Amino acid sequence: MALNKRQVKFLKKRAHTIDPIFQIGKNGMTDTILSELTDAIEKRELIKVQLLQNTLETNADVKTYIEEHSPIKVIQSIGNVLVLYKSSSNENNRFISDQVRNIQ
């Protein structure tokens, strides 16, 4: 699902008050972390990931890895924090995606 500007703006606004729930450190982005991200985003739909100072990867590297290896979209990158979004496949967990779908 491609997001339009209004939908992205809505998601950025919702993400403003969310704290990062994952941290990427010196081991960088791995398949294990991506698997955990996928599980978490399936339940929450919108999460933040923080890159620690000791990581050797840049925001662009992590963004590319996530988007190439999963259906997760990187909505925003500010400093060392990435905002990730994916619509949940479980209808009981679709709180944000239903609102995003109604935005034109």
PDB file of N, CA and C in Angstrom:
ATOM      1  N   MET A   1       0.837  -1.182   0.000  1.00  0.00           N
ATOM      2  CA  MET A   1       0.000   0.000   0.000  1.00  0.00           C
ATOM      3  C   MET A   1       0.879   1.241   0.000  1.00  0.00           C
ATOM      4  N   ALA A   2       0.748   2.049  -1.007  1.00  0.00           N
ATOM      5  CA  ALA A   2       1.483   3.299  -1.087  1.00  0.00           C
ATOM      6  C   ALA A   2       0.760   4.347  -0.247  1.00  0.00           C
ATOM      7  N   LEU A   3       1.523   5.097   0.490  1.00  0.00           N
ATOM      8  CA  LEU A   3       0.950   6.123   1.363  1.00  0.00           C
ATOM      9  C   LEU A   3       1.053   7.492   0.708  1.00  0.00           C
ATOM     10  N   ASN A   4      -0.017   8.278   0.825  1.00  0.00           N
ATOM     11  CA  ASN A   4       0.043   9.639   0.302  1.00  0.00           C
ATOM     12  C   ASN A   4       0.575  10.585   1.386  1.00  0.00           C
ATOM     13  N   LYS A   5       0.741  11.843   1.054  1.00  0.00           N
ATOM     14  CA  LYS A   5       1.336  12.814   1.977  1.00  0.00           C
ATOM     15  C   LYS A   5       0.512  12.999   3.245  1.00  0.00           C
ATOM     16  N   ARG A   6      -0.798  13.000   3.114  1.00  0.00           N
ATOM     17  CA  ARG A   6      -1.660  13.179   4.294  1.00  0.00           C
ATOM     18  C   ARG A   6      -1.551  11.988   5.240  1.00  0.00           C
ATOM     19  N   GLN A   7      -1.462  10.803   4.691  1.00  0.00           N
ATOM     20  CA  GLN A   7      -1.331   9.610   5.514  1.00  0.00           C
ATOM     21  C   GLN A   7       0.009   9.604   6.250  1.00  0.00           C
ATOM     22  N   VAL A   8       1.074   9.974   5.554  1.00  0.00           N
ATOM     23  CA  VAL A   8       2.388  10.048   6.177  1.00  0.00           C
ATOM     24  C   VAL A   8       2.393  11.109   7.275  1.00  0.00           C
ATOM     25  N   LYS A   9       1.781  12.237   7.025  1.00  0.00           N
ATOM     26  CA  LYS A   9       1.693  13.297   8.026  1.00  0.00           C
ATOM     27  C   LYS A   9       0.948  12.811   9.268  1.00  0.00           C
ATOM     28  N   PHE A  10      -0.142  12.080   9.064  1.00  0.00           N
ATOM     29  CA  PHE A  10      -0.908  11.513  10.173  1.00  0.00           C
ATOM     30  C   PHE A  10      -0.044  10.557  10.995  1.00  0.00           C
ATOM     31  N   LEU A  11       0.709   9.689  10.308  1.00  0.00           N
ATOM     32  CA  LEU A  11       1.558   8.725  11.002  1.00  0.00           C
ATOM     33  C   LEU A  11       2.683   9.412  11.778  1.00  0.00           C
ATOM     34  N   LYS A  12       3.257  10.448  11.210  1.00  0.00           N
ATOM     35  CA  LYS A  12       4.306  11.199  11.915  1.00  0.00           C
ATOM     36  C   LYS A  12       3.747  11.837  13.176  1.00  0.00           C
ATOM     37  N   LYS A  13       2.542  12.362  13.078  1.00  0.00           N
ATOM     38  CA  LYS A  13       1.902  12.990  14.231  1.00  0.00           C
ATOM     39  C   LYS A  13       1.645  11.955  15.323  1.00  0.00           C
ATOM     40  N   ARG A  14       1.166  10.769  14.946  1.00  0.00           N
ATOM     41  CA  ARG A  14       0.910   9.707  15.925  1.00  0.00           C
ATOM     42  C   ARG A  14       2.208   9.208  16.560  1.00  0.00           C
ATOM     43  N   ALA A  15       3.280   9.191  15.781  1.00  0.00           N
ATOM     44  CA  ALA A  15       4.560   8.671  16.276  1.00  0.00           C
ATOM     45  C   ALA A  15       5.272   9.636  17.213  1.00  0.00           C
ATOM     46  N   HIS A  16       4.867  10.886  17.198  1.00  0.00           N
ATOM     47  CA  HIS A  16       5.547  11.912  17.995  1.00  0.00           C
ATOM     48  C   HIS A  16       5.606  11.551  19.478  1.00  0.00           C
ATOM     49  N   THR A  17       4.557  10.955  20.009  1.00  0.00           N
ATOM     50  CA  THR A  17       4.499  10.656  21.435  1.00  0.00           C
ATOM     51  C   THR A  17       4.982   9.245  21.789  1.00  0.00           C
ATOM     52  N   ILE A  18       5.377   8.462  20.799  1.00  0.00           N
ATOM     53  CA  ILE A  18       5.819   7.088  21.032  1.00  0.00           C
ATOM     54  C   ILE A  18       7.312   7.080  21.378  1.00  0.00           C
ATOM     55  N   ASP A  19       7.674   6.245  22.335  1.00  0.00           N
ATOM     56  CA  ASP A  19       9.086   6.057  22.677  1.00  0.00           C
ATOM     57  C   ASP A  19       9.652   4.895  21.865  1.00  0.00           C
ATOM     58  N   PRO A  20      10.951   4.933  21.541  1.00  0.00           N
ATOM     59  CA  PRO A  20      11.560   3.811  20.818  1.00  0.00           C
ATOM     60  C   PRO A  20      11.491   2.526  21.646  1.00  0.00           C
ATOM     61  N   ILE A  21      11.134   1.416  21.002  1.00  0.00           N
ATOM     62  CA  ILE A  21      11.068   0.150  21.721  1.00  0.00           C
ATOM     63  C   ILE A  21      12.192  -0.811  21.316  1.00  0.00           C
ATOM     64  N   PHE A  22      12.960  -0.455  20.284  1.00  0.00           N
ATOM     65  CA  PHE A  22      14.104  -1.246  19.865  1.00  0.00           C
ATOM     66  C   PHE A  22      15.324  -0.349  19.765  1.00  0.00           C
ATOM     67  N   GLN A  23      16.479  -0.946  20.059  1.00  0.00           N
ATOM     68  CA  GLN A  23      17.744  -0.238  19.908  1.00  0.00           C
ATOM     69  C   GLN A  23      18.680  -1.099  19.075  1.00  0.00           C
ATOM     70  N   ILE A  24      19.341  -0.457  18.136  1.00  0.00           N
ATOM     71  CA  ILE A  24      20.304  -1.152  17.286  1.00  0.00           C
ATOM     72  C   ILE A  24      21.683  -0.689  17.712  1.00  0.00           C
ATOM     73  N   GLY A  25      22.505  -1.636  18.147  1.00  0.00           N
ATOM     74  CA  GLY A  25      23.816  -1.317  18.690  1.00  0.00           C
ATOM     75  C   GLY A  25      24.944  -1.736  17.783  1.00  0.00           C
ATOM     76  N   LYS A  26      26.056  -2.136  18.413  1.00  0.00           N
ATOM     77  CA  LYS A  26      27.286  -2.407  17.670  1.00  0.00           C
ATOM     78  C   LYS A  26      27.181  -3.605  16.732  1.00  0.00           C
ATOM     79  N   ASN A  27      26.246  -4.527  16.983  1.00  0.00           N
ATOM     80  CA  ASN A  27      26.079  -5.667  16.078  1.00  0.00           C
ATOM     81  C   ASN A  27      25.328  -5.300  14.806  1.00  0.00           C
ATOM     82  N   GLY A  28      24.730  -4.128  14.792  1.00  0.00           N
ATOM     83  CA  GLY A  28      24.030  -3.646  13.607  1.00  0.00           C
ATOM     84  C   GLY A  28      22.703  -4.349  13.383  1.00  0.00           C
ATOM     85  N   MET A  29      22.189  -4.204  12.187  1.00  0.00           N
ATOM     86  CA  MET A  29      20.900  -4.775  11.809  1.00  0.00           C
ATOM     87  C   MET A  29      21.100  -6.229  11.405  1.00  0.00           C
ATOM     88  N   THR A  30      20.404  -7.137  12.071  1.00  0.00           N
ATOM     89  CA  THR A  30      20.523  -8.560  11.766  1.00  0.00           C
ATOM     90  C   THR A  30      19.145  -9.124  11.443  1.00  0.00           C
ATOM     91  N   ASP A  31      19.141 -10.356  10.949  1.00  0.00           N
ATOM     92  CA  ASP A  31      17.872 -11.026  10.653  1.00  0.00           C
ATOM     93  C   ASP A  31      17.059 -11.249  11.923  1.00  0.00           C
ATOM     94  N   THR A  32      17.740 -11.470  13.039  1.00  0.00           N
ATOM     95  CA  THR A  32      17.053 -11.673  14.312  1.00  0.00           C
ATOM     96  C   THR A  32      16.315 -10.410  14.733  1.00  0.00           C
ATOM     97  N   ILE A  33      16.979  -9.286  14.634  1.00  0.00           N
ATOM     98  CA  ILE A  33      16.347  -8.009  14.989  1.00  0.00           C
ATOM     99  C   ILE A  33      15.185  -7.728  14.046  1.00  0.00           C
ATOM    100  N   LEU A  34      15.368  -7.994  12.766  1.00  0.00           N
ATOM    101  CA  LEU A  34      14.297  -7.778  11.796  1.00  0.00           C
ATOM    102  C   LEU A  34      13.091  -8.665  12.112  1.00  0.00           C
ATOM    103  N   SER A  35      13.335  -9.885  12.526  1.00  0.00           N
ATOM    104  CA  SER A  35      12.253 -10.786  12.903  1.00  0.00           C
ATOM    105  C   SER A  35      11.500 -10.248  14.120  1.00  0.00           C
ATOM    106  N   GLU A  36      12.229  -9.749  15.109  1.00  0.00           N
ATOM    107  CA  GLU A  36      11.600  -9.169  16.289  1.00  0.00           C
ATOM    108  C   GLU A  36      10.826  -7.896  15.945  1.00  0.00           C
ATOM    109  N   LEU A  37      11.386  -7.086  15.048  1.00  0.00           N
ATOM    110  CA  LEU A  37      10.687  -5.880  14.586  1.00  0.00           C
ATOM    111  C   LEU A  37       9.369  -6.249  13.905  1.00  0.00           C
ATOM    112  N   THR A  38       9.412  -7.264  13.066  1.00  0.00           N
ATOM    113  CA  THR A  38       8.219  -7.696  12.349  1.00  0.00           C
ATOM    114  C   THR A  38       7.146  -8.177  13.320  1.00  0.00           C
ATOM    115  N   ASP A  39       7.551  -8.923  14.339  1.00  0.00           N
ATOM    116  CA  ASP A  39       6.592  -9.391  15.341  1.00  0.00           C
ATOM    117  C   ASP A  39       5.975  -8.232  16.118  1.00  0.00           C
ATOM    118  N   ALA A  40       6.816  -7.275  16.514  1.00  0.00           N
ATOM    119  CA  ALA A  40       6.331  -6.134  17.290  1.00  0.00           C
ATOM    120  C   ALA A  40       5.424  -5.234  16.466  1.00  0.00           C
ATOM    121  N   ILE A  41       5.785  -5.007  15.219  1.00  0.00           N
ATOM    122  CA  ILE A  41       4.992  -4.098  14.388  1.00  0.00           C
ATOM    123  C   ILE A  41       3.669  -4.745  13.990  1.00  0.00           C
ATOM    124  N   GLU A  42       3.622  -6.065  14.014  1.00  0.00           N
ATOM    125  CA  GLU A  42       2.372  -6.772  13.732  1.00  0.00           C
ATOM    126  C   GLU A  42       1.335  -6.478  14.824  1.00  0.00           C
ATOM    127  N   LYS A  43       1.807  -6.236  16.037  1.00  0.00           N
ATOM    128  CA  LYS A  43       0.905  -5.959  17.152  1.00  0.00           C
ATOM    129  C   LYS A  43       0.632  -4.470  17.340  1.00  0.00           C
ATOM    130  N   ARG A  44       1.592  -3.620  16.956  1.00  0.00           N
ATOM    131  CA  ARG A  44       1.465  -2.187  17.229  1.00  0.00           C
ATOM    132  C   ARG A  44       1.239  -1.331  15.994  1.00  0.00           C
ATOM    133  N   GLU A  45       1.671  -1.779  14.849  1.00  0.00           N
ATOM    134  CA  GLU A  45       1.567  -1.095  13.550  1.00  0.00           C
ATOM    135  C   GLU A  45       2.504   0.098  13.399  1.00  0.00           C
ATOM    136  N   LEU A  46       2.814   0.796  14.453  1.00  0.00           N
ATOM    137  CA  LEU A  46       3.670   1.983  14.374  1.00  0.00           C
ATOM    138  C   LEU A  46       4.659   1.931  15.535  1.00  0.00           C
ATOM    139  N   ILE A  47       5.960   1.876  15.217  1.00  0.00           N
ATOM    140  CA  ILE A  47       6.971   1.807  16.263  1.00  0.00           C
ATOM    141  C   ILE A  47       8.157   2.694  15.913  1.00  0.00           C
ATOM    142  N   LYS A  48       8.976   2.950  16.928  1.00  0.00           N
ATOM    143  CA  LYS A  48      10.219   3.683  16.729  1.00  0.00           C
ATOM    144  C   LYS A  48      11.393   2.778  17.065  1.00  0.00           C
ATOM    145  N   VAL A  49      12.483   2.964  16.317  1.00  0.00           N
ATOM    146  CA  VAL A  49      13.727   2.236  16.521  1.00  0.00           C
ATOM    147  C   VAL A  49      14.840   3.260  16.684  1.00  0.00           C
ATOM    148  N   GLN A  50      15.669   3.058  17.697  1.00  0.00           N
ATOM    149  CA  GLN A  50      16.767   3.983  17.956  1.00  0.00           C
ATOM    150  C   GLN A  50      18.091   3.333  17.600  1.00  0.00           C
ATOM    151  N   LEU A  51      18.939   4.064  16.899  1.00  0.00           N
ATOM    152  CA  LEU A  51      20.291   3.603  16.604  1.00  0.00           C
ATOM    153  C   LEU A  51      21.214   4.184  17.670  1.00  0.00           C
ATOM    154  N   LEU A  52      21.916   3.304  18.365  1.00  0.00           N
ATOM    155  CA  LEU A  52      22.820   3.754  19.421  1.00  0.00           C
ATOM    156  C   LEU A  52      24.083   4.352  18.822  1.00  0.00           C
ATOM    157  N   GLN A  53      24.812   5.099  19.635  1.00  0.00           N
ATOM    158  CA  GLN A  53      26.025   5.770  19.151  1.00  0.00           C
ATOM    159  C   GLN A  53      27.123   4.786  18.768  1.00  0.00           C
ATOM    160  N   ASN A  54      27.127   3.594  19.358  1.00  0.00           N
ATOM    161  CA  ASN A  54      28.199   2.644  19.065  1.00  0.00           C
ATOM    162  C   ASN A  54      27.935   1.785  17.826  1.00  0.00           C
ATOM    163  N   THR A  55      26.830   2.010  17.130  1.00  0.00           N
ATOM    164  CA  THR A  55      26.568   1.241  15.920  1.00  0.00           C
ATOM    165  C   THR A  55      27.395   1.780  14.757  1.00  0.00           C
ATOM    166  N   LEU A  56      27.782   0.876  13.886  1.00  0.00           N
ATOM    167  CA  LEU A  56      28.575   1.269  12.722  1.00  0.00           C
ATOM    168  C   LEU A  56      27.706   1.570  11.507  1.00  0.00           C
ATOM    169  N   GLU A  57      26.403   1.319  11.637  1.00  0.00           N
ATOM    170  CA  GLU A  57      25.485   1.525  10.524  1.00  0.00           C
ATOM    171  C   GLU A  57      24.836   2.905  10.595  1.00  0.00           C
ATOM    172  N   THR A  58      24.500   3.427   9.431  1.00  0.00           N
ATOM    173  CA  THR A  58      23.825   4.719   9.364  1.00  0.00           C
ATOM    174  C   THR A  58      22.321   4.496   9.262  1.00  0.00           C
ATOM    175  N   ASN A  59      21.570   5.565   9.428  1.00  0.00           N
ATOM    176  CA  ASN A  59      20.112   5.487   9.265  1.00  0.00           C
ATOM    177  C   ASN A  59      19.752   4.966   7.877  1.00  0.00           C
ATOM    178  N   ALA A  60      20.473   5.430   6.881  1.00  0.00           N
ATOM    179  CA  ALA A  60      20.189   5.015   5.499  1.00  0.00           C
ATOM    180  C   ALA A  60      20.422   3.515   5.318  1.00  0.00           C
ATOM    181  N   ASP A  61      21.484   2.985   5.930  1.00  0.00           N
ATOM    182  CA  ASP A  61      21.760   1.552   5.832  1.00  0.00           C
ATOM    183  C   ASP A  61      20.639   0.732   6.453  1.00  0.00           C
ATOM    184  N   VAL A  62      20.209   1.134   7.647  1.00  0.00           N
ATOM    185  CA  VAL A  62      19.153   0.407   8.354  1.00  0.00           C
ATOM    186  C   VAL A  62      17.840   0.519   7.593  1.00  0.00           C
ATOM    187  N   LYS A  63      17.534   1.720   7.097  1.00  0.00           N
ATOM    188  CA  LYS A  63      16.304   1.931   6.333  1.00  0.00           C
ATOM    189  C   LYS A  63      16.281   1.030   5.097  1.00  0.00           C
ATOM    190  N   THR A  64      17.355   0.992   4.369  1.00  0.00           N
ATOM    191  CA  THR A  64      17.439   0.164   3.170  1.00  0.00           C
ATOM    192  C   THR A  64      17.275  -1.309   3.513  1.00  0.00           C
ATOM    193  N   TYR A  65      17.946  -1.754   4.555  1.00  0.00           N
ATOM    194  CA  TYR A  65      17.866  -3.160   4.965  1.00  0.00           C
ATOM    195  C   TYR A  65      16.431  -3.543   5.327  1.00  0.00           C
ATOM    196  N   ILE A  66      15.770  -2.705   6.123  1.00  0.00           N
ATOM    197  CA  ILE A  66      14.394  -2.992   6.554  1.00  0.00           C
ATOM    198  C   ILE A  66      13.446  -3.045   5.364  1.00  0.00           C
ATOM    199  N   GLU A  67      13.537  -2.056   4.493  1.00  0.00           N
ATOM    200  CA  GLU A  67      12.601  -1.990   3.368  1.00  0.00           C
ATOM    201  C   GLU A  67      12.851  -3.066   2.312  1.00  0.00           C
ATOM    202  N   GLU A  68      14.100  -3.534   2.178  1.00  0.00           N
ATOM    203  CA  GLU A  68      14.397  -4.569   1.194  1.00  0.00           C
ATOM    204  C   GLU A  68      14.050  -5.971   1.688  1.00  0.00           C
ATOM    205  N   HIS A  69      14.112  -6.183   2.997  1.00  0.00           N
ATOM    206  CA  HIS A  69      13.928  -7.518   3.550  1.00  0.00           C
ATOM    207  C   HIS A  69      12.590  -7.729   4.264  1.00  0.00           C
ATOM    208  N   SER A  70      11.705  -6.737   4.220  1.00  0.00           N
ATOM    209  CA  SER A  70      10.410  -6.875   4.896  1.00  0.00           C
ATOM    210  C   SER A  70       9.393  -5.924   4.249  1.00  0.00           C
ATOM    211  N   PRO A  71       8.117  -6.099   4.571  1.00  0.00           N
ATOM    212  CA  PRO A  71       7.091  -5.187   4.048  1.00  0.00           C
ATOM    213  C   PRO A  71       6.934  -3.908   4.882  1.00  0.00           C
ATOM    214  N   ILE A  72       7.816  -3.708   5.836  1.00  0.00           N
ATOM    215  CA  ILE A  72       7.754  -2.543   6.723  1.00  0.00           C
ATOM    216  C   ILE A  72       8.211  -1.305   5.969  1.00  0.00           C
ATOM    217  N   LYS A  73       7.493  -0.192   6.194  1.00  0.00           N
ATOM    218  CA  LYS A  73       7.858   1.088   5.575  1.00  0.00           C
ATOM    219  C   LYS A  73       8.485   1.995   6.626  1.00  0.00           C
ATOM    220  N   VAL A  74       9.566   2.655   6.246  1.00  0.00           N
ATOM    221  CA  VAL A  74      10.181   3.651   7.120  1.00  0.00           C
ATOM    222  C   VAL A  74       9.512   4.979   6.795  1.00  0.00           C
ATOM    223  N   ILE A  75       8.777   5.506   7.760  1.00  0.00           N
ATOM    224  CA  ILE A  75       8.005   6.725   7.558  1.00  0.00           C
ATOM    225  C   ILE A  75       8.863   7.967   7.733  1.00  0.00           C
ATOM    226  N   GLN A  76       9.766   7.917   8.721  1.00  0.00           N
ATOM    227  CA  GLN A  76      10.525   9.110   9.058  1.00  0.00           C
ATOM    228  C   GLN A  76      11.848   8.712   9.697  1.00  0.00           C
ATOM    229  N   SER A  77      12.839   9.552   9.496  1.00  0.00           N
ATOM    230  CA  SER A  77      14.140   9.376  10.127  1.00  0.00           C
ATOM    231  C   SER A  77      14.567  10.719  10.701  1.00  0.00           C
ATOM    232  N   ILE A  78      14.654  10.775  12.021  1.00  0.00           N
ATOM    233  CA  ILE A  78      15.080  12.009  12.690  1.00  0.00           C
ATOM    234  C   ILE A  78      16.236  11.665  13.610  1.00  0.00           C
ATOM    235  N   GLY A  79      17.381  12.254  13.368  1.00  0.00           N
ATOM    236  CA  GLY A  79      18.546  11.952  14.193  1.00  0.00           C
ATOM    237  C   GLY A  79      18.864  10.473  14.116  1.00  0.00           C
ATOM    238  N   ASN A  80      18.894   9.821  15.266  1.00  0.00           N
ATOM    239  CA  ASN A  80      19.185   8.391  15.326  1.00  0.00           C
ATOM    240  C   ASN A  80      17.921   7.557  15.539  1.00  0.00           C
ATOM    241  N   VAL A  81      16.776   8.095  15.182  1.00  0.00           N
ATOM    242  CA  VAL A  81      15.508   7.397  15.395  1.00  0.00           C
ATOM    243  C   VAL A  81      14.773   7.215  14.065  1.00  0.00           C
ATOM    244  N   LEU A  82      14.281   5.993  13.852  1.00  0.00           N
ATOM    245  CA  LEU A  82      13.478   5.679  12.667  1.00  0.00           C
ATOM    246  C   LEU A  82      12.056   5.371  13.107  1.00  0.00           C
ATOM    247  N   VAL A  83      11.084   5.854  12.347  1.00  0.00           N
ATOM    248  CA  VAL A  83       9.677   5.552  12.594  1.00  0.00           C
ATOM    249  C   VAL A  83       9.243   4.539  11.542  1.00  0.00           C
ATOM    250  N   LEU A  84       8.724   3.390  12.005  1.00  0.00           N
ATOM    251  CA  LEU A  84       8.347   2.300  11.117  1.00  0.00           C
ATOM    252  C   LEU A  84       6.846   2.061  11.162  1.00  0.00           C
ATOM    253  N   TYR A  85       6.277   1.686  10.009  1.00  0.00           N
ATOM    254  CA  TYR A  85       4.840   1.428   9.919  1.00  0.00           C
ATOM    255  C   TYR A  85       4.579   0.216   9.031  1.00  0.00           C
ATOM    256  N   LYS A  86       3.618  -0.589   9.465  1.00  0.00           N
ATOM    257  CA  LYS A  86       3.103  -1.676   8.639  1.00  0.00           C
ATOM    258  C   LYS A  86       1.704  -2.009   9.138  1.00  0.00           C
ATOM    259  N   SER A  87       0.783  -2.141   8.226  1.00  0.00           N
ATOM    260  CA  SER A  87      -0.574  -2.522   8.585  1.00  0.00           C
ATOM    261  C   SER A  87      -0.576  -3.956   9.097  1.00  0.00           C
ATOM    262  N   SER A  88      -1.264  -4.191  10.192  1.00  0.00           N
ATOM    263  CA  SER A  88      -1.311  -5.515  10.798  1.00  0.00           C
ATOM    264  C   SER A  88      -2.184  -6.452   9.967  1.00  0.00           C
ATOM    265  N   SER A  89      -1.772  -7.709   9.893  1.00  0.00           N
ATOM    266  CA  SER A  89      -2.582  -8.698   9.195  1.00  0.00           C
ATOM    267  C   SER A  89      -3.696  -9.238  10.094  1.00  0.00           C
ATOM    268  N   ASN A  90      -3.591  -9.001  11.392  1.00  0.00           N
ATOM    269  CA  ASN A  90      -4.611  -9.406  12.351  1.00  0.00           C
ATOM    270  C   ASN A  90      -5.608  -8.265  12.532  1.00  0.00           C
ATOM    271  N   GLU A  91      -6.869  -8.524  12.266  1.00  0.00           N
ATOM    272  CA  GLU A  91      -7.887  -7.465  12.337  1.00  0.00           C
ATOM    273  C   GLU A  91      -8.021  -6.861  13.732  1.00  0.00           C
ATOM    274  N   ASN A  92      -7.750  -7.633  14.770  1.00  0.00           N
ATOM    275  CA  ASN A  92      -7.855  -7.131  16.145  1.00  0.00           C
ATOM    276  C   ASN A  92      -6.766  -6.110  16.478  1.00  0.00           C
ATOM    277  N   ASN A  93      -5.694  -6.101  15.722  1.00  0.00           N
ATOM    278  CA  ASN A  93      -4.587  -5.178  15.974  1.00  0.00           C
ATOM    279  C   ASN A  93      -4.603  -3.954  15.064  1.00  0.00           C
ATOM    280  N   ARG A  94      -5.591  -3.834  14.222  1.00  0.00           N
ATOM    281  CA  ARG A  94      -5.644  -2.722  13.271  1.00  0.00           C
ATOM    282  C   ARG A  94      -6.315  -1.495  13.887  1.00  0.00           C
ATOM    283  N   PHE A  95      -5.551  -0.729  14.624  1.00  0.00           N
ATOM    284  CA  PHE A  95      -6.072   0.499  15.202  1.00  0.00           C
ATOM    285  C   PHE A  95      -5.684   1.692  14.328  1.00  0.00           C
ATOM    286  N   ILE A  96      -4.437   1.733  13.953  1.00  0.00           N
ATOM    287  CA  ILE A  96      -3.916   2.864  13.191  1.00  0.00           C
ATOM    288  C   ILE A  96      -4.204   2.704  11.700  1.00  0.00           C
ATOM    289  N   SER A  97      -4.043   1.507  11.178  1.00  0.00           N
ATOM    290  CA  SER A  97      -4.197   1.314   9.721  1.00  0.00           C
ATOM    291  C   SER A  97      -5.622   1.588   9.249  1.00  0.00           C
ATOM    292  N   ASP A  98      -6.612   1.324  10.094  1.00  0.00           N
ATOM    293  CA  ASP A  98      -7.988   1.664   9.714  1.00  0.00           C
ATOM    294  C   ASP A  98      -8.159   3.166   9.576  1.00  0.00           C
ATOM    295  N   GLN A  99      -7.534   3.921  10.466  1.00  0.00           N
ATOM    296  CA  GLN A  99      -7.600   5.388  10.392  1.00  0.00           C
ATOM    297  C   GLN A  99      -6.817   5.884   9.176  1.00  0.00           C
ATOM    298  N   VAL A 100      -5.657   5.286   8.912  1.00  0.00           N
ATOM    299  CA  VAL A 100      -4.841   5.691   7.768  1.00  0.00           C
ATOM    300  C   VAL A 100      -5.590   5.416   6.470  1.00  0.00           C
ATOM    301  N   ARG A 101      -6.275   4.306   6.383  1.00  0.00           N
ATOM    302  CA  ARG A 101      -7.010   3.933   5.179  1.00  0.00           C
ATOM    303  C   ARG A 101      -8.124   4.939   4.868  1.00  0.00           C
ATOM    304  N   ASN A 102      -8.699   5.548   5.902  1.00  0.00           N
ATOM    305  CA  ASN A 102      -9.795   6.512   5.712  1.00  0.00           C
ATOM    306  C   ASN A 102      -9.312   7.900   5.324  1.00  0.00           C
ATOM    307  N   ILE A 103      -8.018   8.148   5.406  1.00  0.00           N
ATOM    308  CA  ILE A 103      -7.475   9.455   5.025  1.00  0.00           C
ATOM    309  C   ILE A 103      -7.245   9.479   3.526  1.00  0.00           C
ATOM    310  N   GLN A 104      -7.766  10.474   2.854  1.00  0.00           N
ATOM    311  CA  GLN A 104      -7.602  10.568   1.408  1.00  0.00           C
ATOM    312  C   GLN A 104      -6.688  11.675   1.048  1.00  0.00           C
TER     313      GLN A 104
END
